C-alpha atoms as a PDB file:
ATOM      1  CA  MET A   1      -0.004   0.154   0.216  1.00  0.00           C
ATOM      2  CA  GLU A   2       2.807   2.466   1.115  1.00  0.00           C
ATOM      3  CA  THR A   3       4.737   1.279  -1.920  1.00  0.00           C
ATOM      4  CA  ALA A   4       1.858   2.038  -4.247  1.00  0.00           C
ATOM      5  CA  ILE A   5       1.362   5.163  -3.196  1.00  0.00           C
ATOM      6  CA  LEU A   6       5.089   6.416  -3.189  1.00  0.00           C
ATOM      7  CA  LEU A   7       4.879   5.509  -6.830  1.00  0.00           C
ATOM      8  CA  LYS A   8       1.671   7.218  -7.065  1.00  0.00           C
ATOM      9  CA  GLY A   9       3.303  10.632  -5.558  1.00  0.00           C
ATOM     10  CA  LEU A  10       6.692   9.825  -7.585  1.00  0.00           C
ATOM     11  CA  ILE A  11       4.486   9.415 -11.468  1.00  0.00           C
ATOM     12  CA  ALA A  12       2.267  13.394 -10.486  1.00  0.00           C
ATOM     13  CA  GLY A  13       5.843  14.483  -9.442  1.00  0.00           C
ATOM     14  CA  ILE A  14       7.195  14.345 -12.640  1.00  0.00           C
ATOM     15  CA  THR A  15       4.122  14.974 -14.211  1.00  0.00           C
ATOM     16  CA  ILE A  16       4.214  18.267 -12.788  1.00  0.00           C
ATOM     17  CA  ALA A  17       7.666  19.193 -13.428  1.00  0.00           C
ATOM     18  CA  ILE A  18       8.152  17.906 -17.182  1.00  0.00           C
ATOM     19  CA  PRO A  19       5.977  20.417 -19.197  1.00  0.00           C
ATOM     20  CA  VAL A  20       7.915  22.596 -20.633  1.00  0.00           C
ATOM     21  CA  GLY A  21       7.805  26.589 -19.658  1.00  0.00           C
ATOM     22  CA  PRO A  22       9.864  28.787 -17.995  1.00  0.00           C
ATOM     23  CA  VAL A  23      11.784  27.481 -15.336  1.00  0.00           C
ATOM     24  CA  ASN A  24      12.885  24.321 -17.460  1.00  0.00           C
ATOM     25  CA  LEU A  25      14.379  27.162 -20.046  1.00  0.00           C
ATOM     26  CA  ILE A  26      15.821  28.327 -17.509  1.00  0.00           C
ATOM     27  CA  CYS A  27      17.277  25.160 -15.873  1.00  0.00           C
ATOM     28  CA  ILE A  28      18.189  24.453 -19.275  1.00  0.00           C
ATOM     29  CA  GLN A  29      20.061  27.781 -19.895  1.00  0.00           C
ATOM     30  CA  ARG A  30      22.173  27.838 -16.308  1.00  0.00           C
ATOM     31  CA  THR A  31      22.860  24.467 -17.062  1.00  0.00           C
ATOM     32  CA  ILE A  32      24.487  25.308 -20.349  1.00  0.00           C
ATOM     33  CA  ASN A  33      26.716  28.467 -19.699  1.00  0.00           C
ATOM     34  CA  ASP A  34      27.119  27.911 -15.444  1.00  0.00           C
ATOM     35  CA  GLY A  35      27.108  24.063 -15.212  1.00  0.00           C
ATOM     36  CA  HIS A  36      25.801  20.970 -13.560  1.00  0.00           C
ATOM     37  CA  ALA A  37      25.262  22.501 -10.388  1.00  0.00           C
ATOM     38  CA  ARG A  38      23.620  26.089 -10.922  1.00  0.00           C
ATOM     39  CA  GLY A  39      21.122  24.435 -13.249  1.00  0.00           C
ATOM     40  CA  LEU A  40      20.048  21.196 -10.673  1.00  0.00           C
ATOM     41  CA  VAL A  41      19.571  24.173  -8.208  1.00  0.00           C
ATOM     42  CA  SER A  42      17.155  26.165 -10.046  1.00  0.00           C
ATOM     43  CA  GLY A  43      15.556  22.653 -10.699  1.00  0.00           C
ATOM     44  CA  LEU A  44      15.575  22.063  -7.214  1.00  0.00           C
ATOM     45  CA  GLY A  45      13.682  25.077  -6.349  1.00  0.00           C
ATOM     46  CA  ALA A  46      10.805  24.581  -9.016  1.00  0.00           C
ATOM     47  CA  ALA A  47      10.904  21.149  -6.855  1.00  0.00           C
ATOM     48  CA  LEU A  48      10.370  22.044  -3.461  1.00  0.00           C
ATOM     49  CA  ALA A  49       7.777  24.861  -4.446  1.00  0.00           C
ATOM     50  CA  ASP A  50       5.778  21.866  -6.439  1.00  0.00           C
ATOM     51  CA  THR A  51       5.861  19.551  -3.499  1.00  0.00           C
ATOM     52  CA  LEU A  52       4.596  22.156  -1.180  1.00  0.00           C
ATOM     53  CA  TYR A  53       1.746  22.576  -3.276  1.00  0.00           C
ATOM     54  CA  GLY A  54       1.748  19.050  -3.249  1.00  0.00           C
ATOM     55  CA  PHE A  55       1.121  19.003   0.278  1.00  0.00           C
ATOM     56  CA  ILE A  56      -1.603  21.616   0.038  1.00  0.00           C
ATOM     57  CA  ALA A  57      -3.344  18.949  -2.501  1.00  0.00           C
ATOM     58  CA  GLY A  58      -2.552  15.698  -0.270  1.00  0.00           C
ATOM     59  CA  PHE A  59      -3.765  17.668   2.977  1.00  0.00           C
ATOM     60  CA  GLY A  60      -6.525  19.329   2.217  1.00  0.00           C
ATOM     61  CA  LEU A  61      -5.226  22.654   3.539  1.00  0.00           C
ATOM     62  CA  THR A  62      -8.974  24.726   2.883  1.00  0.00           C
ATOM     63  CA  LEU A  63      -7.806  27.742   3.992  1.00  0.00           C
ATOM     64  CA  VAL A  64      -4.476  28.079   2.672  1.00  0.00           C
ATOM     65  CA  SER A  65      -5.643  27.047  -1.007  1.00  0.00           C
ATOM     66  CA  GLN A  66      -8.770  29.459  -0.585  1.00  0.00           C
ATOM     67  CA  PHE A  67      -6.087  32.689   0.636  1.00  0.00           C
ATOM     68  CA  LEU A  68      -4.239  31.604  -2.790  1.00  0.00           C
ATOM     69  CA  PHE A  69      -6.641  31.511  -5.184  1.00  0.00           C
ATOM     70  CA  GLU A  70      -8.356  34.603  -3.477  1.00  0.00           C
ATOM     71  CA  ASN A  71      -5.272  36.228  -4.053  1.00  0.00           C
ATOM     72  CA  LEU A  72      -4.375  34.588  -7.466  1.00  0.00           C
ATOM     73  CA  PRO A  73      -3.863  37.953  -9.638  1.00  0.00           C
ATOM     74  CA  VAL A  74      -1.482  39.429  -7.558  1.00  0.00           C
ATOM     75  CA  LEU A  75       0.691  36.222  -7.422  1.00  0.00           C
ATOM     76  CA  LYS A  76       0.233  35.727 -11.219  1.00  0.00           C
ATOM     77  CA  ILE A  77       1.293  39.397 -11.613  1.00  0.00           C
ATOM     78  CA  ALA A  78       4.605  38.836  -9.481  1.00  0.00           C
ATOM     79  CA  GLY A  79       5.698  35.798 -11.277  1.00  0.00           C
ATOM     80  CA  GLY A  80       5.498  37.290 -14.494  1.00  0.00           C
ATOM     81  CA  LEU A  81       7.223  40.108 -13.401  1.00  0.00           C
ATOM     82  CA  VAL A  82      10.057  37.828 -11.863  1.00  0.00           C
ATOM     83  CA  ILE A  83      10.093  35.451 -15.140  1.00  0.00           C
ATOM     84  CA  ILE A  84      10.840  38.979 -16.780  1.00  0.00           C
ATOM     85  CA  ALA A  85      13.521  40.031 -15.172  1.00  0.00           C
ATOM     86  CA  LEU A  86      14.918  36.502 -15.101  1.00  0.00           C
ATOM     87  CA  ALA A  87      14.115  36.828 -19.407  1.00  0.00           C
ATOM     88  CA  LEU A  88      16.125  39.804 -19.438  1.00  0.00           C
ATOM     89  CA  ARG A  89      19.300  38.433 -17.386  1.00  0.00           C
ATOM     90  CA  VAL A  90      19.081  35.785 -19.885  1.00  0.00           C
ATOM     91  CA  LEU A  91      19.057  37.539 -23.017  1.00  0.00           C
ATOM     92  CA  SER A  92      22.360  39.897 -21.771  1.00  0.00           C
ATOM     93  CA  ALA A  93      24.168  36.672 -21.148  1.00  0.00           C
ATOM     94  CA  LYS A  94      27.061  36.703 -23.055  1.00  0.00           C
ATOM     95  CA  PRO A  95      28.912  33.090 -24.436  1.00  0.00           C
ATOM     96  CA  LYS A  96      31.640  31.439 -21.893  1.00  0.00           C
ATOM     97  CA  ILE A  97      34.086  29.615 -22.122  1.00  0.00           C
ATOM     98  CA  ILE A  98      33.149  25.876 -20.928  1.00  0.00           C
ATOM     99  CA  ARG A  99      35.183  24.548 -17.942  1.00  0.00           C
ATOM    100  CA  LYS A 100      34.829  21.457 -16.646  1.00  0.00           C
ATOM    101  CA  ASN A 101      34.225  21.434 -12.938  1.00  0.00           C
ATOM    102  CA  GLN A 102      34.242  25.557 -12.728  1.00  0.00           C
ATOM    103  CA  GLU A 103      33.654  26.453  -9.697  1.00  0.00           C
ATOM    104  CA  ILE A 104      30.020  28.515  -8.651  1.00  0.00           C
ATOM    105  CA  SER A 105      29.762  30.767  -5.470  1.00  0.00           C
ATOM    106  CA  THR A 106      27.504  29.728  -3.337  1.00  0.00           C
ATOM    107  CA  LYS A 107      25.164  33.171  -3.749  1.00  0.00           C
ATOM    108  CA  SER A 108      25.231  32.161  -7.666  1.00  0.00           C
ATOM    109  CA  LEU A 109      23.740  28.774  -6.308  1.00  0.00           C
ATOM    110  CA  TRP A 110      20.962  30.935  -3.752  1.00  0.00           C
ATOM    111  CA  SER A 111      20.053  32.910  -6.313  1.00  0.00           C
ATOM    112  CA  ALA A 112      19.624  30.058  -8.541  1.00  0.00           C
ATOM    113  CA  PHE A 113      17.651  28.265  -5.953  1.00  0.00           C
ATOM    114  CA  THR A 114      15.507  31.062  -4.544  1.00  0.00           C
ATOM    115  CA  SER A 115      14.633  32.635  -8.945  1.00  0.00           C
ATOM    116  CA  THR A 116      13.196  29.128  -9.963  1.00  0.00           C
ATOM    117  CA  PHE A 117      11.010  28.437  -6.428  1.00  0.00           C
ATOM    118  CA  ALA A 118       9.533  32.375  -6.534  1.00  0.00           C
ATOM    119  CA  ILE A 119       8.018  31.576 -10.348  1.00  0.00           C
ATOM    120  CA  THR A 120       6.473  28.351  -9.372  1.00  0.00           C
ATOM    121  CA  LEU A 121       5.527  29.779  -6.073  1.00  0.00           C
ATOM    122  CA  THR A 122       3.739  32.493  -8.071  1.00  0.00           C
ATOM    123  CA  ASN A 123       1.205  29.730  -9.560  1.00  0.00           C
ATOM    124  CA  PRO A 124      -1.317  28.319  -7.246  1.00  0.00           C
ATOM    125  CA  LEU A 125      -3.047  26.474  -9.921  1.00  0.00           C
ATOM    126  CA  THR A 126      -0.028  23.888  -9.545  1.00  0.00           C
ATOM    127  CA  ILE A 127      -2.632  22.897  -6.409  1.00  0.00           C
ATOM    128  CA  MET A 128      -5.619  22.682  -8.958  1.00  0.00           C
ATOM    129  CA  ALA A 129      -3.653  20.225 -11.090  1.00  0.00           C
ATOM    130  CA  PHE A 130      -2.407  18.479  -8.524  1.00  0.00           C
ATOM    131  CA  ILE A 131      -6.001  17.674  -7.402  1.00  0.00           C
ATOM    132  CA  GLY A 132      -6.681  16.217 -10.181  1.00  0.00           C
ATOM    133  CA  ILE A 133      -3.446  14.206 -10.879  1.00  0.00           C
ATOM    134  CA  PHE A 134      -4.284  12.901  -7.145  1.00  0.00           C
ATOM    135  CA  ALA A 135      -7.843  12.027  -8.118  1.00  0.00           C
ATOM    136  CA  GLY A 136      -6.977  10.379 -11.490  1.00  0.00           C
ATOM    137  CA  LEU A 137      -4.505   7.996  -9.358  1.00  0.00           C
ATOM    138  CA  GLY A 138      -7.045   7.130  -6.962  1.00  0.00           C
ATOM    139  CA  LEU A 139      -5.929   9.276  -4.544  1.00  0.00           C
ATOM    140  CA  ASP A 140      -7.813  12.178  -2.554  1.00  0.00           C
ATOM    141  CA  ASN A 141      -8.084  12.981   1.322  1.00  0.00           C
ATOM    142  CA  HIS A 142     -10.482  10.676   2.166  1.00  0.00           C
ATOM    143  CA  SER A 143      -8.813   7.667   0.942  1.00  0.00           C
ATOM    144  CA  THR A 144      -5.291   8.805   2.836  1.00  0.00           C
ATOM    145  CA  ASN A 145      -4.466   9.245   6.262  1.00  0.00           C
ATOM    146  CA  SER A 146      -1.900  11.677   7.782  1.00  0.00           C
ATOM    147  CA  ASN A 147       1.172   9.039   6.941  1.00  0.00           C
ATOM    148  CA  SER A 148       0.216   7.787   3.500  1.00  0.00           C
ATOM    149  CA  SER A 149       0.012  11.293   2.851  1.00  0.00           C
ATOM    150  CA  LEU A 150       3.082  12.419   4.055  1.00  0.00           C
ATOM    151  CA  ILE A 151       4.595   9.178   1.859  1.00  0.00           C
ATOM    152  CA  LEU A 152       2.604  10.767  -1.129  1.00  0.00           C
ATOM    153  CA  ILE A 153       4.135  13.806  -0.819  1.00  0.00           C
ATOM    154  CA  ALA A 154       7.556  12.385  -0.275  1.00  0.00           C
ATOM    155  CA  GLY A 155       7.058  10.538  -3.938  1.00  0.00           C
ATOM    156  CA  VAL A 156       5.856  13.895  -5.464  1.00  0.00           C
ATOM    157  CA  PHE A 157       9.215  15.497  -4.237  1.00  0.00           C
ATOM    158  CA  SER A 158      11.563  12.369  -5.531  1.00  0.00           C
ATOM    159  CA  GLY A 159       9.259  12.252  -9.016  1.00  0.00           C
ATOM    160  CA  SER A 160      10.251  16.160  -9.362  1.00  0.00           C
ATOM    161  CA  LEU A 161      13.496  15.961  -8.418  1.00  0.00           C
ATOM    162  CA  LEU A 162      14.204  13.143 -10.972  1.00  0.00           C
ATOM    163  CA  TRP A 163      13.257  15.179 -13.640  1.00  0.00           C
ATOM    164  CA  TRP A 164      15.543  18.093 -12.672  1.00  0.00           C
ATOM    165  CA  VAL A 165      18.376  15.566 -12.126  1.00  0.00           C
ATOM    166  CA  SER A 166      18.239  14.355 -15.141  1.00  0.00           C
ATOM    167  CA  LEU A 167      17.268  17.155 -17.371  1.00  0.00           C
ATOM    168  CA  SER A 168      20.369  19.103 -15.902  1.00  0.00           C
ATOM    169  CA  THR A 169      22.688  15.457 -16.356  1.00  0.00           C
ATOM    170  CA  PHE A 170      21.805  15.168 -19.820  1.00  0.00           C
ATOM    171  CA  VAL A 171      22.072  18.825 -20.352  1.00  0.00           C
ATOM    172  CA  ASP A 172      25.798  19.123 -18.873  1.00  0.00           C
ATOM    173  CA  ARG A 173      26.492  15.974 -20.997  1.00  0.00           C
ATOM    174  CA  ILE A 174      26.214  17.971 -24.265  1.00  0.00           C
ATOM    175  CA  ARG A 175      27.169  21.580 -22.986  1.00  0.00           C
ATOM    176  CA  HIS A 176      30.560  21.060 -23.894  1.00  0.00           C
ATOM    177  CA  LYS A 177      30.207  20.306 -27.370  1.00  0.00           C
ATOM    178  CA  LEU A 178      28.260  23.591 -28.151  1.00  0.00           C
ATOM    179  CA  SER A 179      30.432  26.712 -29.366  1.00  0.00           C
ATOM    180  CA  PRO A 180      29.911  30.362 -27.872  1.00  0.00           C
ATOM    181  CA  ARG A 181      28.199  31.402 -31.041  1.00  0.00           C
ATOM    182  CA  MET A 182      25.620  28.465 -30.282  1.00  0.00           C
ATOM    183  CA  ILE A 183      25.514  29.285 -27.043  1.00  0.00           C
ATOM    184  CA  HIS A 184      24.933  33.135 -27.774  1.00  0.00           C
ATOM    185  CA  TYR A 185      22.117  32.078 -30.333  1.00  0.00           C
ATOM    186  CA  PHE A 186      20.836  29.541 -27.499  1.00  0.00           C
ATOM    187  CA  ASN A 187      20.685  32.254 -24.868  1.00  0.00           C
ATOM    188  CA  ARG A 188      18.798  34.825 -27.201  1.00  0.00           C
ATOM    189  CA  ALA A 189      16.529  32.122 -27.897  1.00  0.00           C
ATOM    190  CA  SER A 190      15.381  31.201 -24.867  1.00  0.00           C
ATOM    191  CA  GLY A 191      15.542  35.152 -23.533  1.00  0.00           C
ATOM    192  CA  VAL A 192      12.628  35.922 -25.889  1.00  0.00           C
ATOM    193  CA  ILE A 193      10.934  33.139 -25.208  1.00  0.00           C
ATOM    194  CA  ILE A 194      11.365  33.141 -21.366  1.00  0.00           C
ATOM    195  CA  LEU A 195       9.905  37.037 -21.654  1.00  0.00           C
ATOM    196  CA  LEU A 196       7.097  36.152 -23.848  1.00  0.00           C
ATOM    197  CA  PHE A 197       5.914  33.500 -21.233  1.00  0.00           C
ATOM    198  CA  GLY A 198       6.313  36.564 -18.628  1.00  0.00           C
ATOM    199  CA  ILE A 199       4.952  39.105 -20.933  1.00  0.00           C
ATOM    200  CA  GLY A 200       1.491  36.738 -21.797  1.00  0.00           C
ATOM    201  CA  LEU A 201       1.381  35.809 -18.177  1.00  0.00           C
ATOM    202  CA  ILE A 202       0.918  39.550 -16.853  1.00  0.00           C
ATOM    203  CA  ILE A 203      -1.615  40.276 -19.895  1.00  0.00           C
ATOM    204  CA  THR A 204      -3.605  37.392 -19.391  1.00  0.00           C
ATOM    205  CA  THR A 205      -3.947  38.127 -16.191  1.00  0.00           C
ATOM    206  CA  ALA A 206      -4.697  41.702 -16.425  1.00  0.00           C
ATOM    207  CA  LEU A 207      -7.805  40.960 -18.954  1.00  0.00           C
ATOM    208  CA  GLU A 208      -9.029  37.982 -16.896  1.00  0.00           C
ATOM    209  CA  PHE A 209      -9.331  40.573 -13.564  1.00  0.00           C
ATOM    210  CA  THR A 210     -10.684  43.102 -16.192  1.00  0.00           C
ATOM    211  CA  HIS A 211     -13.499  40.680 -17.090  1.00  0.00           C
ATOM    212  CA  SER A 212     -13.982  40.202 -13.514  1.00  0.00           C
ATOM    213  CA  VAL A 213     -14.793  43.525 -12.388  1.00  0.00           C
END
């Protein structure tokens, strides 16, 4: 029973993490430019935020969910601004001479972690995604007790982390084959796409708010 719940949590974590979006692009871009550690830590920030929302969905914390959804427009605007800021940094990044085992400062790693954590955390709709996935896997607040819910959340974190480890490791394996010109073009392309994500999020949120007034 517990093993089955853990596996279902693992599937939920992977399912939430895989969809291509700004965090995936940021993780890839940072791995290419700065190495495996910074890309992996970026994914870790997203994994922790996903796990937090999985915890809220798994334990049925209605008051927390209600607060987040009541402040959804503010959170989405904040997320859009963070995404735009990161996109501008990506666009201004210069191709580097890629070195194996290059050192990354603790400050840089912390910045990588907090930025993706913030982006992921400003999307409370993740709770709804988890509720839908849990229901599809036959899990709900009535079928799991506290211990089972903790196992479920552990599975969610493991699944999300597994995706980010796999993605950053794969990109790290091929990044040494990329020329500075290729990295330059990738930075520009990913920066534009991330920027469009941020602008689109703000515009759609503003339109939704206008229609609801």
